[in-house]
Amino acid sequence: MLNYLTFNNIPVTIVAAKYDKIKKSERLKKLTDIAQTLKIGVENIYLISSETAYGKETIIERIY
């Protein structure tokens, strides 16, 4: 799906949940790993947590 979207120049935003479950020392590495695996920039990945509401406002702004 990601290949299809990027091939057709459709903007892509990745939302990665469970932010609160990752140790603080590992967060940047996990974000970088996701970006490298998907071959996208880290600025297109939004980390969120439904438990703590981390990132909620940011992703809502991105949607609008």
Protein backbone atom coordinates (compact mmCIF):
# COMPACT_ATOMS: atom_id res chain seq x y z
CA MET A 1 0.00 0.00 0.00
CA LEU A 2 2.80 2.40 0.87
CA ASN A 3 4.43 1.79 -2.52
CA TYR A 4 1.12 2.48 -4.28
CA LEU A 5 0.55 5.71 -2.37
CA THR A 6 4.02 7.08 -2.93
CA PHE A 7 4.04 6.01 -6.59
CA ASN A 8 0.83 7.96 -7.13
CA ASN A 9 2.12 11.00 -5.19
CA ILE A 10 -0.45 10.61 -2.44
CA PRO A 11 0.78 12.13 0.84
CA VAL A 12 1.51 9.55 3.53
CA THR A 13 1.59 9.86 7.29
CA ILE A 14 2.47 6.90 9.46
CA VAL A 15 0.92 6.72 12.92
CA ALA A 16 2.76 4.47 15.35
CA ALA A 17 0.84 3.62 18.49
CA LYS A 18 2.04 2.37 21.88
CA TYR A 19 4.50 5.24 22.36
CA ASP A 20 4.16 4.88 26.13
CA LYS A 21 5.32 1.24 25.98
CA ILE A 22 8.75 2.11 24.56
CA LYS A 23 11.55 3.01 26.95
CA LYS A 24 12.64 6.64 26.68
CA SER A 25 16.16 5.57 25.76
CA GLU A 26 14.86 3.50 22.81
CA ARG A 27 12.32 5.91 21.29
CA LEU A 28 14.60 7.69 18.83
CA LYS A 29 16.08 4.38 17.65
CA LYS A 30 12.61 2.88 17.12
CA LEU A 31 11.50 5.95 15.19
CA THR A 32 14.61 5.77 13.01
CA ASP A 33 14.12 2.03 12.46
CA ILE A 34 10.55 2.57 11.27
CA ALA A 35 11.64 5.36 8.92
CA GLN A 36 14.45 3.28 7.44
CA THR A 37 12.27 0.19 7.04
CA LEU A 38 9.53 2.11 5.26
CA LYS A 39 12.03 4.34 3.40
CA ILE A 40 10.30 7.54 4.50
CA GLY A 41 11.39 10.54 6.52
CA VAL A 42 10.95 10.57 10.28
CA GLU A 43 8.87 13.73 9.88
CA ASN A 44 6.15 11.55 8.32
CA ILE A 45 5.88 9.33 11.39
CA TYR A 46 3.74 10.35 14.33
CA LEU A 47 4.05 8.57 17.64
CA ILE A 48 0.91 8.37 19.74
CA SER A 49 -0.36 6.81 22.92
CA SER A 50 -4.02 6.27 23.64
CA GLU A 51 -3.18 5.66 27.28
CA THR A 52 -1.43 8.98 27.91
CA ALA A 53 -2.88 10.93 24.93
CA TYR A 54 0.67 11.69 23.79
CA GLY A 55 0.64 12.93 20.20
CA LYS A 56 -3.13 13.23 20.01
CA GLU A 57 -3.24 16.93 19.20
CA THR A 58 -0.38 16.65 16.72
CA ILE A 59 -2.07 13.92 14.68
CA ILE A 60 -5.41 15.76 14.75
CA GLU A 61 -3.67 18.85 13.37
CA ARG A 62 -2.00 16.74 10.70
CA ILE A 63 -5.32 15.27 9.61
CA TYR A 64 -6.86 18.70 9.21
